[in-house]
């Protein structure tokens, strides 16, 4: 079952993750490294070293779901900083899956007239 992306929290694990890990290994990373509860219904995103593979783990009422996307060309934009878990919005998840690098996009500037 697909979660309602407008209500679910989405977390990105910065840096590379060993893509040989499956549900149990990724749930362990969520619990130990990210200090979060893998059963809370949030989406947890992981990327491979080369950033061509992306896995999404989440708990759905009675079991885990694991999605994987592999790019044949290009790479996923991905934060390299491993200091903290980053939460993103559903629109940012959509941009990420489409390959848009919102992490390095410039911020909207607000100008005020100084006169």
PDB file of N, CA and C in Angstrom:
ATOM      1  N   UNK A   1       0.827  -1.166   0.000  1.00  0.00           N
ATOM      2  CA  UNK A   1       0.000   0.000   0.000  1.00  0.00           C
ATOM      3  C   UNK A   1       0.879   1.238   0.000  1.00  0.00           C
ATOM      4  N   UNK A   2       0.472   2.234  -0.753  1.00  0.00           N
ATOM      5  CA  UNK A   2       1.226   3.478  -0.849  1.00  0.00           C
ATOM      6  C   UNK A   2       0.845   4.406   0.307  1.00  0.00           C
ATOM      7  N   UNK A   3       1.830   4.980   0.993  1.00  0.00           N
ATOM      8  CA  UNK A   3       1.508   5.907   2.072  1.00  0.00           C
ATOM      9  C   UNK A   3       1.044   7.253   1.510  1.00  0.00           C
ATOM     10  N   UNK A   4       0.324   7.994   2.320  1.00  0.00           N
ATOM     11  CA  UNK A   4      -0.099   9.343   1.951  1.00  0.00           C
ATOM     12  C   UNK A   4       1.083  10.275   2.170  1.00  0.00           C
ATOM     13  N   UNK A   5       1.737  10.667   1.093  1.00  0.00           N
ATOM     14  CA  UNK A   5       2.957  11.465   1.204  1.00  0.00           C
ATOM     15  C   UNK A   5       2.726  12.849   1.790  1.00  0.00           C
ATOM     16  N   UNK A   6       1.465  13.304   1.803  1.00  0.00           N
ATOM     17  CA  UNK A   6       1.210  14.631   2.373  1.00  0.00           C
ATOM     18  C   UNK A   6       1.209  14.590   3.901  1.00  0.00           C
ATOM     19  N   UNK A   7       1.106  13.409   4.501  1.00  0.00           N
ATOM     20  CA  UNK A   7       1.056  13.320   5.957  1.00  0.00           C
ATOM     21  C   UNK A   7       2.245  12.589   6.569  1.00  0.00           C
ATOM     22  N   UNK A   8       2.997  11.861   5.796  1.00  0.00           N
ATOM     23  CA  UNK A   8       4.099  11.054   6.323  1.00  0.00           C
ATOM     24  C   UNK A   8       5.378  11.889   6.400  1.00  0.00           C
ATOM     25  N   UNK A   9       6.217  11.591   7.392  1.00  0.00           N
ATOM     26  CA  UNK A   9       7.527  12.234   7.505  1.00  0.00           C
ATOM     27  C   UNK A   9       8.512  11.466   6.629  1.00  0.00           C
ATOM     28  N   UNK A  10       9.431  12.210   6.005  1.00  0.00           N
ATOM     29  CA  UNK A  10      10.398  11.609   5.084  1.00  0.00           C
ATOM     30  C   UNK A  10      11.796  12.005   5.540  1.00  0.00           C
ATOM     31  N   UNK A  11      12.647  11.013   5.807  1.00  0.00           N
ATOM     32  CA  UNK A  11      13.991  11.276   6.293  1.00  0.00           C
ATOM     33  C   UNK A  11      15.025  10.719   5.318  1.00  0.00           C
ATOM     34  N   UNK A  12      16.093  11.480   5.113  1.00  0.00           N
ATOM     35  CA  UNK A  12      17.196  11.082   4.237  1.00  0.00           C
ATOM     36  C   UNK A  12      18.402  10.779   5.108  1.00  0.00           C
ATOM     37  N   UNK A  13      19.013   9.639   4.877  1.00  0.00           N
ATOM     38  CA  UNK A  13      20.279   9.340   5.553  1.00  0.00           C
ATOM     39  C   UNK A  13      21.395   9.856   4.665  1.00  0.00           C
ATOM     40  N   UNK A  14      22.055  10.932   5.084  1.00  0.00           N
ATOM     41  CA  UNK A  14      23.139  11.486   4.266  1.00  0.00           C
ATOM     42  C   UNK A  14      24.293  10.499   4.108  1.00  0.00           C
ATOM     43  N   UNK A  15      25.042  10.658   3.047  1.00  0.00           N
ATOM     44  CA  UNK A  15      26.179   9.794   2.794  1.00  0.00           C
ATOM     45  C   UNK A  15      25.753   8.457   2.215  1.00  0.00           C
ATOM     46  N   UNK A  16      26.725   7.622   1.905  1.00  0.00           N
ATOM     47  CA  UNK A  16      26.420   6.330   1.269  1.00  0.00           C
ATOM     48  C   UNK A  16      25.963   5.265   2.265  1.00  0.00           C
ATOM     49  N   UNK A  17      25.172   4.330   1.759  1.00  0.00           N
ATOM     50  CA  UNK A  17      24.707   3.171   2.515  1.00  0.00           C
ATOM     51  C   UNK A  17      25.012   1.925   1.696  1.00  0.00           C
ATOM     52  N   UNK A  18      25.401   0.873   2.366  1.00  0.00           N
ATOM     53  CA  UNK A  18      25.667  -0.411   1.701  1.00  0.00           C
ATOM     54  C   UNK A  18      24.344  -0.956   1.153  1.00  0.00           C
ATOM     55  N   UNK A  19      24.206  -1.007  -0.162  1.00  0.00           N
ATOM     56  CA  UNK A  19      22.955  -1.430  -0.792  1.00  0.00           C
ATOM     57  C   UNK A  19      22.743  -2.940  -0.749  1.00  0.00           C
ATOM     58  N   UNK A  20      23.687  -3.684  -0.175  1.00  0.00           N
ATOM     59  CA  UNK A  20      23.452  -5.110   0.027  1.00  0.00           C
ATOM     60  C   UNK A  20      22.495  -5.331   1.200  1.00  0.00           C
ATOM     61  N   UNK A  21      22.327  -4.297   2.012  1.00  0.00           N
ATOM     62  CA  UNK A  21      21.417  -4.401   3.158  1.00  0.00           C
ATOM     63  C   UNK A  21      19.973  -4.431   2.673  1.00  0.00           C
ATOM     64  N   UNK A  22      19.196  -5.270   3.323  1.00  0.00           N
ATOM     65  CA  UNK A  22      17.768  -5.376   3.008  1.00  0.00           C
ATOM     66  C   UNK A  22      16.976  -4.799   4.175  1.00  0.00           C
ATOM     67  N   UNK A  23      15.760  -5.228   4.357  1.00  0.00           N
ATOM     68  CA  UNK A  23      14.858  -4.637   5.345  1.00  0.00           C
ATOM     69  C   UNK A  23      15.459  -4.632   6.750  1.00  0.00           C
ATOM     70  N   UNK A  24      15.914  -5.770   7.234  1.00  0.00           N
ATOM     71  CA  UNK A  24      16.418  -5.837   8.606  1.00  0.00           C
ATOM     72  C   UNK A  24      17.645  -4.965   8.813  1.00  0.00           C
ATOM     73  N   UNK A  25      18.554  -4.972   7.863  1.00  0.00           N
ATOM     74  CA  UNK A  25      19.769  -4.163   7.974  1.00  0.00           C
ATOM     75  C   UNK A  25      19.470  -2.670   7.932  1.00  0.00           C
ATOM     76  N   UNK A  26      18.561  -2.265   7.054  1.00  0.00           N
ATOM     77  CA  UNK A  26      18.193  -0.853   6.967  1.00  0.00           C
ATOM     78  C   UNK A  26      17.401  -0.417   8.192  1.00  0.00           C
ATOM     79  N   UNK A  27      16.527  -1.270   8.695  1.00  0.00           N
ATOM     80  CA  UNK A  27      15.789  -0.945   9.919  1.00  0.00           C
ATOM     81  C   UNK A  27      16.754  -0.790  11.092  1.00  0.00           C
ATOM     82  N   UNK A  28      17.796  -1.588  11.120  1.00  0.00           N
ATOM     83  CA  UNK A  28      18.813  -1.470  12.160  1.00  0.00           C
ATOM     84  C   UNK A  28      19.541  -0.128  12.063  1.00  0.00           C
ATOM     85  N   UNK A  29      19.843   0.320  10.847  1.00  0.00           N
ATOM     86  CA  UNK A  29      20.477   1.631  10.652  1.00  0.00           C
ATOM     87  C   UNK A  29      19.561   2.742  11.149  1.00  0.00           C
ATOM     88  N   UNK A  30      18.271   2.628  10.833  1.00  0.00           N
ATOM     89  CA  UNK A  30      17.306   3.639  11.289  1.00  0.00           C
ATOM     90  C   UNK A  30      17.328   3.713  12.818  1.00  0.00           C
ATOM     91  N   UNK A  31      17.339   2.569  13.476  1.00  0.00           N
ATOM     92  CA  UNK A  31      17.270   2.533  14.932  1.00  0.00           C
ATOM     93  C   UNK A  31      18.576   2.974  15.585  1.00  0.00           C
ATOM     94  N   UNK A  32      19.716   2.465  15.103  1.00  0.00           N
ATOM     95  CA  UNK A  32      20.992   2.736  15.767  1.00  0.00           C
ATOM     96  C   UNK A  32      21.640   4.039  15.307  1.00  0.00           C
ATOM     97  N   UNK A  33      21.755   4.248  14.008  1.00  0.00           N
ATOM     98  CA  UNK A  33      22.459   5.423  13.492  1.00  0.00           C
ATOM     99  C   UNK A  33      21.585   6.668  13.459  1.00  0.00           C
ATOM    100  N   UNK A  34      20.345   6.500  13.036  1.00  0.00           N
ATOM    101  CA  UNK A  34      19.464   7.656  12.900  1.00  0.00           C
ATOM    102  C   UNK A  34      18.700   7.956  14.184  1.00  0.00           C
ATOM    103  N   UNK A  35      18.813   7.064  15.169  1.00  0.00           N
ATOM    104  CA  UNK A  35      18.133   7.245  16.460  1.00  0.00           C
ATOM    105  C   UNK A  35      16.636   7.479  16.290  1.00  0.00           C
ATOM    106  N   UNK A  36      16.018   6.663  15.458  1.00  0.00           N
ATOM    107  CA  UNK A  36      14.597   6.786  15.168  1.00  0.00           C
ATOM    108  C   UNK A  36      13.945   5.412  15.240  1.00  0.00           C
ATOM    109  N   UNK A  37      12.624   5.393  15.298  1.00  0.00           N
ATOM    110  CA  UNK A  37      11.864   4.151  15.363  1.00  0.00           C
ATOM    111  C   UNK A  37      11.442   3.742  13.958  1.00  0.00           C
ATOM    112  N   UNK A  38      11.973   2.647  13.415  1.00  0.00           N
ATOM    113  CA  UNK A  38      11.606   2.243  12.057  1.00  0.00           C
ATOM    114  C   UNK A  38      10.141   1.840  11.913  1.00  0.00           C
ATOM    115  N   UNK A  39       9.426   1.671  13.031  1.00  0.00           N
ATOM    116  CA  UNK A  39       8.019   1.280  12.986  1.00  0.00           C
ATOM    117  C   UNK A  39       7.079   2.482  13.055  1.00  0.00           C
ATOM    118  N   UNK A  40       7.601   3.697  12.966  1.00  0.00           N
ATOM    119  CA  UNK A  40       6.755   4.883  13.147  1.00  0.00           C
ATOM    120  C   UNK A  40       5.996   5.313  11.889  1.00  0.00           C
ATOM    121  N   UNK A  41       6.183   4.620  10.775  1.00  0.00           N
ATOM    122  CA  UNK A  41       5.450   4.944   9.554  1.00  0.00           C
ATOM    123  C   UNK A  41       6.135   5.969   8.671  1.00  0.00           C
ATOM    124  N   UNK A  42       7.293   6.480   9.103  1.00  0.00           N
ATOM    125  CA  UNK A  42       8.032   7.441   8.282  1.00  0.00           C
ATOM    126  C   UNK A  42       8.737   6.731   7.135  1.00  0.00           C
ATOM    127  N   UNK A  43       9.050   7.484   6.091  1.00  0.00           N
ATOM    128  CA  UNK A  43       9.857   6.962   4.986  1.00  0.00           C
ATOM    129  C   UNK A  43      11.320   7.260   5.291  1.00  0.00           C
ATOM    130  N   UNK A  44      12.182   6.283   5.088  1.00  0.00           N
ATOM    131  CA  UNK A  44      13.619   6.444   5.297  1.00  0.00           C
ATOM    132  C   UNK A  44      14.327   6.149   3.978  1.00  0.00           C
ATOM    133  N   UNK A  45      15.107   7.121   3.501  1.00  0.00           N
ATOM    134  CA  UNK A  45      15.768   7.018   2.210  1.00  0.00           C
ATOM    135  C   UNK A  45      17.255   6.776   2.380  1.00  0.00           C
ATOM    136  N   UNK A  46      17.794   5.885   1.548  1.00  0.00           N
ATOM    137  CA  UNK A  46      19.198   5.517   1.568  1.00  0.00           C
ATOM    138  C   UNK A  46      19.723   5.505   0.134  1.00  0.00           C
ATOM    139  N   UNK A  47      20.965   5.927  -0.063  1.00  0.00           N
ATOM    140  CA  UNK A  47      21.578   5.912  -1.395  1.00  0.00           C
ATOM    141  C   UNK A  47      22.881   5.127  -1.357  1.00  0.00           C
ATOM    142  N   UNK A  48      23.232   4.560  -2.496  1.00  0.00           N
ATOM    143  CA  UNK A  48      24.467   3.804  -2.608  1.00  0.00           C
ATOM    144  C   UNK A  48      25.661   4.745  -2.718  1.00  0.00           C
ATOM    145  N   UNK A  49      26.852   4.160  -2.642  1.00  0.00           N
ATOM    146  CA  UNK A  49      28.096   4.926  -2.750  1.00  0.00           C
ATOM    147  C   UNK A  49      28.150   5.702  -4.069  1.00  0.00           C
ATOM    148  N   UNK A  50      27.766   5.071  -5.153  1.00  0.00           N
ATOM    149  CA  UNK A  50      27.830   5.722  -6.463  1.00  0.00           C
ATOM    150  C   UNK A  50      26.593   6.579  -6.754  1.00  0.00           C
ATOM    151  N   UNK A  51      25.604   6.548  -5.865  1.00  0.00           N
ATOM    152  CA  UNK A  51      24.369   7.331  -5.955  1.00  0.00           C
ATOM    153  C   UNK A  51      23.524   6.971  -7.180  1.00  0.00           C
ATOM    154  N   UNK A  52      23.652   5.760  -7.664  1.00  0.00           N
ATOM    155  CA  UNK A  52      22.791   5.280  -8.755  1.00  0.00           C
ATOM    156  C   UNK A  52      21.612   4.466  -8.231  1.00  0.00           C
ATOM    157  N   UNK A  53      21.709   4.010  -6.975  1.00  0.00           N
ATOM    158  CA  UNK A  53      20.644   3.213  -6.370  1.00  0.00           C
ATOM    159  C   UNK A  53      20.089   3.954  -5.164  1.00  0.00           C
ATOM    160  N   UNK A  54      18.771   3.871  -5.019  1.00  0.00           N
ATOM    161  CA  UNK A  54      18.067   4.502  -3.915  1.00  0.00           C
ATOM    162  C   UNK A  54      17.104   3.478  -3.326  1.00  0.00           C
ATOM    163  N   UNK A  55      17.087   3.363  -2.005  1.00  0.00           N
ATOM    164  CA  UNK A  55      16.130   2.487  -1.331  1.00  0.00           C
ATOM    165  C   UNK A  55      15.304   3.318  -0.367  1.00  0.00           C
ATOM    166  N   UNK A  56      14.020   2.978  -0.284  1.00  0.00           N
ATOM    167  CA  UNK A  56      13.091   3.637   0.629  1.00  0.00           C
ATOM    168  C   UNK A  56      12.455   2.553   1.496  1.00  0.00           C
ATOM    169  N   UNK A  57      12.581   2.725   2.805  1.00  0.00           N
ATOM    170  CA  UNK A  57      12.041   1.781   3.769  1.00  0.00           C
ATOM    171  C   UNK A  57      10.935   2.452   4.564  1.00  0.00           C
ATOM    172  N   UNK A  58       9.824   1.754   4.751  1.00  0.00           N
ATOM    173  CA  UNK A  58       8.790   2.257   5.665  1.00  0.00           C
ATOM    174  C   UNK A  58       7.935   1.111   6.191  1.00  0.00           C
ATOM    175  N   UNK A  59       7.325   1.365   7.338  1.00  0.00           N
ATOM    176  CA  UNK A  59       6.451   0.397   7.996  1.00  0.00           C
ATOM    177  C   UNK A  59       5.013   0.685   7.590  1.00  0.00           C
ATOM    178  N   UNK A  60       4.300  -0.335   7.135  1.00  0.00           N
ATOM    179  CA  UNK A  60       2.908  -0.181   6.701  1.00  0.00           C
ATOM    180  C   UNK A  60       2.023  -1.118   7.515  1.00  0.00           C
ATOM    181  N   UNK A  61       1.417  -0.638   8.562  1.00  0.00           N
ATOM    182  CA  UNK A  61       0.465  -1.339   9.435  1.00  0.00           C
ATOM    183  C   UNK A  61       0.929  -2.695   9.941  1.00  0.00           C
ATOM    184  N   UNK A  62       1.272  -3.606   9.049  1.00  0.00           N
ATOM    185  CA  UNK A  62       1.581  -4.970   9.490  1.00  0.00           C
ATOM    186  C   UNK A  62       2.876  -5.522   8.894  1.00  0.00           C
ATOM    187  N   UNK A  63       3.702  -4.658   8.325  1.00  0.00           N
ATOM    188  CA  UNK A  63       4.967  -5.128   7.768  1.00  0.00           C
ATOM    189  C   UNK A  63       5.738  -4.027   7.086  1.00  0.00           C
ATOM    190  N   UNK A  64       7.017  -4.296   6.843  1.00  0.00           N
ATOM    191  CA  UNK A  64       7.876  -3.324   6.174  1.00  0.00           C
ATOM    192  C   UNK A  64       7.672  -3.362   4.666  1.00  0.00           C
ATOM    193  N   UNK A  65       7.852  -2.222   4.036  1.00  0.00           N
ATOM    194  CA  UNK A  65       7.911  -2.114   2.587  1.00  0.00           C
ATOM    195  C   UNK A  65       9.292  -1.587   2.222  1.00  0.00           C
ATOM    196  N   UNK A  66       9.852  -2.096   1.158  1.00  0.00           N
ATOM    197  CA  UNK A  66      11.156  -1.651   0.690  1.00  0.00           C
ATOM    198  C   UNK A  66      11.057  -1.406  -0.803  1.00  0.00           C
ATOM    199  N   UNK A  67      11.308  -0.167  -1.197  1.00  0.00           N
ATOM    200  CA  UNK A  67      11.312   0.189  -2.621  1.00  0.00           C
ATOM    201  C   UNK A  67      12.739   0.451  -3.036  1.00  0.00           C
ATOM    202  N   UNK A  68      13.016   0.168  -4.292  1.00  0.00           N
ATOM    203  CA  UNK A  68      14.340   0.442  -4.827  1.00  0.00           C
ATOM    204  C   UNK A  68      14.201   1.056  -6.200  1.00  0.00           C
ATOM    205  N   UNK A  69      15.005   2.063  -6.471  1.00  0.00           N
ATOM    206  CA  UNK A  69      15.083   2.642  -7.807  1.00  0.00           C
ATOM    207  C   UNK A  69      16.542   2.658  -8.208  1.00  0.00           C
ATOM    208  N   UNK A  70      16.817   2.204  -9.438  1.00  0.00           N
ATOM    209  CA  UNK A  70      18.178   2.192  -9.963  1.00  0.00           C
ATOM    210  C   UNK A  70      18.202   3.026 -11.230  1.00  0.00           C
ATOM    211  N   UNK A  71      19.126   3.956 -11.295  1.00  0.00           N
ATOM    212  CA  UNK A  71      19.283   4.783 -12.485  1.00  0.00           C
ATOM    213  C   UNK A  71      20.265   4.123 -13.440  1.00  0.00           C
ATOM    214  N   UNK A  72      19.928   4.118 -14.696  1.00  0.00           N
ATOM    215  CA  UNK A  72      20.838   3.575 -15.705  1.00  0.00           C
ATOM    216  C   UNK A  72      21.902   4.594 -16.083  1.00  0.00           C
ATOM    217  N   UNK A  73      21.541   5.857 -16.037  1.00  0.00           N
ATOM    218  CA  UNK A  73      22.484   6.947 -16.281  1.00  0.00           C
ATOM    219  C   UNK A  73      22.258   8.001 -15.211  1.00  0.00           C
ATOM    220  N   UNK A  74      23.201   8.889 -15.054  1.00  0.00           N
ATOM    221  CA  UNK A  74      23.109   9.962 -14.068  1.00  0.00           C
ATOM    222  C   UNK A  74      23.215   9.421 -12.647  1.00  0.00           C
ATOM    223  N   UNK A  75      23.071  10.321 -11.689  1.00  0.00           N
ATOM    224  CA  UNK A  75      23.164   9.977 -10.274  1.00  0.00           C
ATOM    225  C   UNK A  75      22.120  10.781  -9.504  1.00  0.00           C
ATOM    226  N   UNK A  76      21.692  10.217  -8.386  1.00  0.00           N
ATOM    227  CA  UNK A  76      20.777  10.949  -7.520  1.00  0.00           C
ATOM    228  C   UNK A  76      21.541  12.076  -6.831  1.00  0.00           C
ATOM    229  N   UNK A  77      20.945  13.250  -6.735  1.00  0.00           N
ATOM    230  CA  UNK A  77      21.572  14.277  -5.890  1.00  0.00           C
ATOM    231  C   UNK A  77      21.435  13.814  -4.440  1.00  0.00           C
ATOM    232  N   UNK A  78      22.515  13.904  -3.678  1.00  0.00           N
ATOM    233  CA  UNK A  78      22.466  13.348  -2.326  1.00  0.00           C
ATOM    234  C   UNK A  78      23.367  14.126  -1.398  1.00  0.00           C
ATOM    235  N   UNK A  79      22.922  14.427  -0.182  1.00  0.00           N
ATOM    236  CA  UNK A  79      23.790  15.148   0.761  1.00  0.00           C
ATOM    237  C   UNK A  79      24.921  14.242   1.247  1.00  0.00           C
ATOM    238  N   UNK A  80      26.114  14.801   1.329  1.00  0.00           N
ATOM    239  CA  UNK A  80      27.278  14.023   1.744  1.00  0.00           C
ATOM    240  C   UNK A  80      27.531  14.129   3.236  1.00  0.00           C
ATOM    241  N   UNK A  81      26.967  15.128   3.877  1.00  0.00           N
ATOM    242  CA  UNK A  81      27.201  15.397   5.285  1.00  0.00           C
ATOM    243  C   UNK A  81      26.517  14.353   6.150  1.00  0.00           C
ATOM    244  N   UNK A  82      27.273  13.637   6.942  1.00  0.00           N
ATOM    245  CA  UNK A  82      26.724  12.567   7.772  1.00  0.00           C
ATOM    246  C   UNK A  82      26.402  13.032   9.186  1.00  0.00           C
ATOM    247  N   UNK A  83      26.453  14.331   9.460  1.00  0.00           N
ATOM    248  CA  UNK A  83      26.282  14.822  10.820  1.00  0.00           C
ATOM    249  C   UNK A  83      24.890  14.606  11.384  1.00  0.00           C
ATOM    250  N   UNK A  84      23.867  14.761  10.572  1.00  0.00           N
ATOM    251  CA  UNK A  84      22.513  14.635  11.094  1.00  0.00           C
ATOM    252  C   UNK A  84      21.564  14.115  10.030  1.00  0.00           C
ATOM    253  N   UNK A  85      20.470  13.578  10.485  1.00  0.00           N
ATOM    254  CA  UNK A  85      19.422  13.111   9.584  1.00  0.00           C
ATOM    255  C   UNK A  85      18.694  14.327   9.047  1.00  0.00           C
ATOM    256  N   UNK A  86      18.366  14.302   7.779  1.00  0.00           N
ATOM    257  CA  UNK A  86      17.672  15.423   7.172  1.00  0.00           C
ATOM    258  C   UNK A  86      16.238  15.012   6.839  1.00  0.00           C
ATOM    259  N   UNK A  87      15.294  15.841   7.234  1.00  0.00           N
ATOM    260  CA  UNK A  87      13.894  15.595   6.888  1.00  0.00           C
ATOM    261  C   UNK A  87      13.568  16.426   5.658  1.00  0.00           C
ATOM    262  N   UNK A  88      12.864  15.811   4.709  1.00  0.00           N
ATOM    263  CA  UNK A  88      12.469  16.514   3.497  1.00  0.00           C
ATOM    264  C   UNK A  88      10.955  16.431   3.342  1.00  0.00           C
ATOM    265  N   UNK A  89      10.424  17.260   2.466  1.00  0.00           N
ATOM    266  CA  UNK A  89       8.979  17.279   2.214  1.00  0.00           C
ATOM    267  C   UNK A  89       8.636  16.316   1.079  1.00  0.00           C
ATOM    268  N   UNK A  90       7.350  16.089   0.889  1.00  0.00           N
ATOM    269  CA  UNK A  90       6.920  15.202  -0.193  1.00  0.00           C
ATOM    270  C   UNK A  90       7.264  15.796  -1.555  1.00  0.00           C
ATOM    271  N   UNK A  91       7.200  17.119  -1.684  1.00  0.00           N
ATOM    272  CA  UNK A  91       7.569  17.737  -2.969  1.00  0.00           C
ATOM    273  C   UNK A  91       9.069  17.599  -3.217  1.00  0.00           C
ATOM    274  N   UNK A  92       9.878  17.663  -2.159  1.00  0.00           N
ATOM    275  CA  UNK A  92      11.317  17.450  -2.320  1.00  0.00           C
ATOM    276  C   UNK A  92      11.610  15.995  -2.681  1.00  0.00           C
ATOM    277  N   UNK A  93      10.838  15.052  -2.133  1.00  0.00           N
ATOM    278  CA  UNK A  93      10.995  13.645  -2.516  1.00  0.00           C
ATOM    279  C   UNK A  93      10.710  13.472  -4.000  1.00  0.00           C
ATOM    280  N   UNK A  94       9.669  14.099  -4.477  1.00  0.00           N
ATOM    281  CA  UNK A  94       9.329  14.027  -5.908  1.00  0.00           C
ATOM    282  C   UNK A  94      10.466  14.591  -6.755  1.00  0.00           C
ATOM    283  N   UNK A  95      11.019  15.738  -6.336  1.00  0.00           N
ATOM    284  CA  UNK A  95      12.152  16.328  -7.065  1.00  0.00           C
ATOM    285  C   UNK A  95      13.350  15.397  -7.033  1.00  0.00           C
ATOM    286  N   UNK A  96      13.615  14.788  -5.883  1.00  0.00           N
ATOM    287  CA  UNK A  96      14.742  13.865  -5.752  1.00  0.00           C
ATOM    288  C   UNK A  96      14.601  12.696  -6.712  1.00  0.00           C
ATOM    289  N   UNK A  97      13.405  12.100  -6.766  1.00  0.00           N
ATOM    290  CA  UNK A  97      13.180  10.964  -7.661  1.00  0.00           C
ATOM    291  C   UNK A  97      13.256  11.361  -9.130  1.00  0.00           C
ATOM    292  N   UNK A  98      13.030  12.640  -9.418  1.00  0.00           N
ATOM    293  CA  UNK A  98      13.152  13.139 -10.789  1.00  0.00           C
ATOM    294  C   UNK A  98      14.556  13.633 -11.102  1.00  0.00           C
ATOM    295  N   UNK A  99      15.453  13.608 -10.104  1.00  0.00           N
ATOM    296  CA  UNK A  99      16.841  13.993 -10.323  1.00  0.00           C
ATOM    297  C   UNK A  99      17.127  15.463 -10.125  1.00  0.00           C
ATOM    298  N   UNK A 100      16.215  16.211  -9.550  1.00  0.00           N
ATOM    299  CA  UNK A 100      16.427  17.644  -9.327  1.00  0.00           C
ATOM    300  C   UNK A 100      17.189  17.825  -8.016  1.00  0.00           C
ATOM    301  N   UNK A 101      18.287  18.558  -8.075  1.00  0.00           N
ATOM    302  CA  UNK A 101      19.140  18.761  -6.904  1.00  0.00           C
ATOM    303  C   UNK A 101      18.673  19.989  -6.131  1.00  0.00           C
ATOM    304  N   UNK A 102      17.705  19.810  -5.262  1.00  0.00           N
ATOM    305  CA  UNK A 102      17.194  20.935  -4.486  1.00  0.00           C
ATOM    306  C   UNK A 102      18.135  21.304  -3.341  1.00  0.00           C
ATOM    307  N   UNK A 103      19.096  20.442  -2.989  1.00  0.00           N
ATOM    308  CA  UNK A 103      20.034  20.765  -1.919  1.00  0.00           C
ATOM    309  C   UNK A 103      20.970  21.906  -2.314  1.00  0.00           C
ATOM    310  N   UNK A 104      21.260  22.027  -3.585  1.00  0.00           N
ATOM    311  CA  UNK A 104      22.193  23.059  -4.028  1.00  0.00           C
ATOM    312  C   UNK A 104      21.506  24.177  -4.808  1.00  0.00           C
ATOM    313  N   UNK A 105      20.198  24.192  -4.799  1.00  0.00           N
ATOM    314  CA  UNK A 105      19.472  25.266  -5.479  1.00  0.00           C
ATOM    315  C   UNK A 105      19.610  26.545  -4.651  1.00  0.00           C
ATOM    316  N   UNK A 106      19.654  27.654  -5.333  1.00  0.00           N
ATOM    317  CA  UNK A 106      19.780  28.911  -4.591  1.00  0.00           C
ATOM    318  C   UNK A 106      18.462  29.251  -3.907  1.00  0.00           C
ATOM    319  N   UNK A 107      18.573  29.914  -2.788  1.00  0.00           N
ATOM    320  CA  UNK A 107      17.404  30.307  -2.018  1.00  0.00           C
ATOM    321  C   UNK A 107      16.812  31.592  -2.587  1.00  0.00           C
ATOM    322  N   UNK A 108      15.507  31.749  -2.462  1.00  0.00           N
ATOM    323  CA  UNK A 108      14.847  32.971  -2.898  1.00  0.00           C
ATOM    324  C   UNK A 108      15.294  34.116  -2.001  1.00  0.00           C
ATOM    325  N   UNK A 109      15.704  35.210  -2.610  1.00  0.00           N
ATOM    326  CA  UNK A 109      16.176  36.358  -1.842  1.00  0.00           C
ATOM    327  C   UNK A 109      15.071  37.387  -1.732  1.00  0.00           C
ATOM    328  N   UNK A 110      15.038  38.013  -0.593  1.00  0.00           N
ATOM    329  CA  UNK A 110      14.052  39.063  -0.340  1.00  0.00           C
ATOM    330  C   UNK A 110      14.806  40.383  -0.260  1.00  0.00           C
ATOM    331  N   UNK A 111      14.409  41.331  -1.092  1.00  0.00           N
ATOM    332  CA  UNK A 111      15.053  42.630  -1.118  1.00  0.00           C
ATOM    333  C   UNK A 111      14.129  43.687  -0.508  1.00  0.00           C
ATOM    334  N   UNK A 112      14.735  44.611   0.201  1.00  0.00           N
ATOM    335  CA  UNK A 112      13.978  45.728   0.772  1.00  0.00           C
ATOM    336  C   UNK A 112      14.584  47.014   0.273  1.00  0.00           C
ATOM    337  N   UNK A 113      13.731  47.937  -0.017  1.00  0.00           N
ATOM    338  CA  UNK A 113      14.189  49.249  -0.474  1.00  0.00           C
ATOM    339  C   UNK A 113      14.746  50.011   0.716  1.00  0.00           C
ATOM    340  N   UNK A 114      15.956  50.458   0.605  1.00  0.00           N
ATOM    341  CA  UNK A 114      16.595  51.216   1.672  1.00  0.00           C
ATOM    342  C   UNK A 114      16.634  52.684   1.278  1.00  0.00           C
ATOM    343  N   UNK A 115      15.501  53.306   1.358  1.00  0.00           N
ATOM    344  CA  UNK A 115      15.467  54.691   0.900  1.00  0.00           C
ATOM    345  C   UNK A 115      14.820  55.648   1.799  1.00  0.00           C
TER     346      UNK A 115
END
